[in-house]
């Protein structure tokens, strides 16, 4: 396993659009913050030859001294954690950590083929460097796919969906 290098990131930054007000710095979920962090990381990596080849591998948001960006040298090994027996979390490679629907489709196709059976990607978290897979029967997979393509998100463990465009509104969704 490659060595993990920690790079401390600020908890808050000044927002130029809000007159310099402090806002939470969240590069794991905000594309603009992620891009700004990547510029700083590239500069930091280039300052020392021993850091050459490091790439952003994830984040440690829970460390009381952090948060930290976690960097490592890319590997050709897939890291898969199995949680309980019904969820697998895949650590995404640097090339898979792109926040786009095309990247999500490629990751889903690759790992669904690798896992076989009825495993489907249920969560794609490019800024956290993870994808979550769960076994779904055909009807559930079809229903989730239709809802996702129309801007809905199924809530795990419930039969409820939430519209991405209508905050707070819910409607029942059942696969059967």
Foldseek 3Di string as FASTA:
>chain_A
DWDKDKDADDQWFFDVVVVGDIDGQDLQPDVVSVVVVVVVVVVVLVVDVVSPQKDFQAWDPPPPPHTITIITHFDPDWDWDQDPPFKIKTQATPVLLDPDPVSVVVVQVVVCVVVDDQWGWQDDRSSRRITMIGRDDPLVVVQQVVQVVQQWHDDPPAQWIDHNVDPPDIDGHDSD
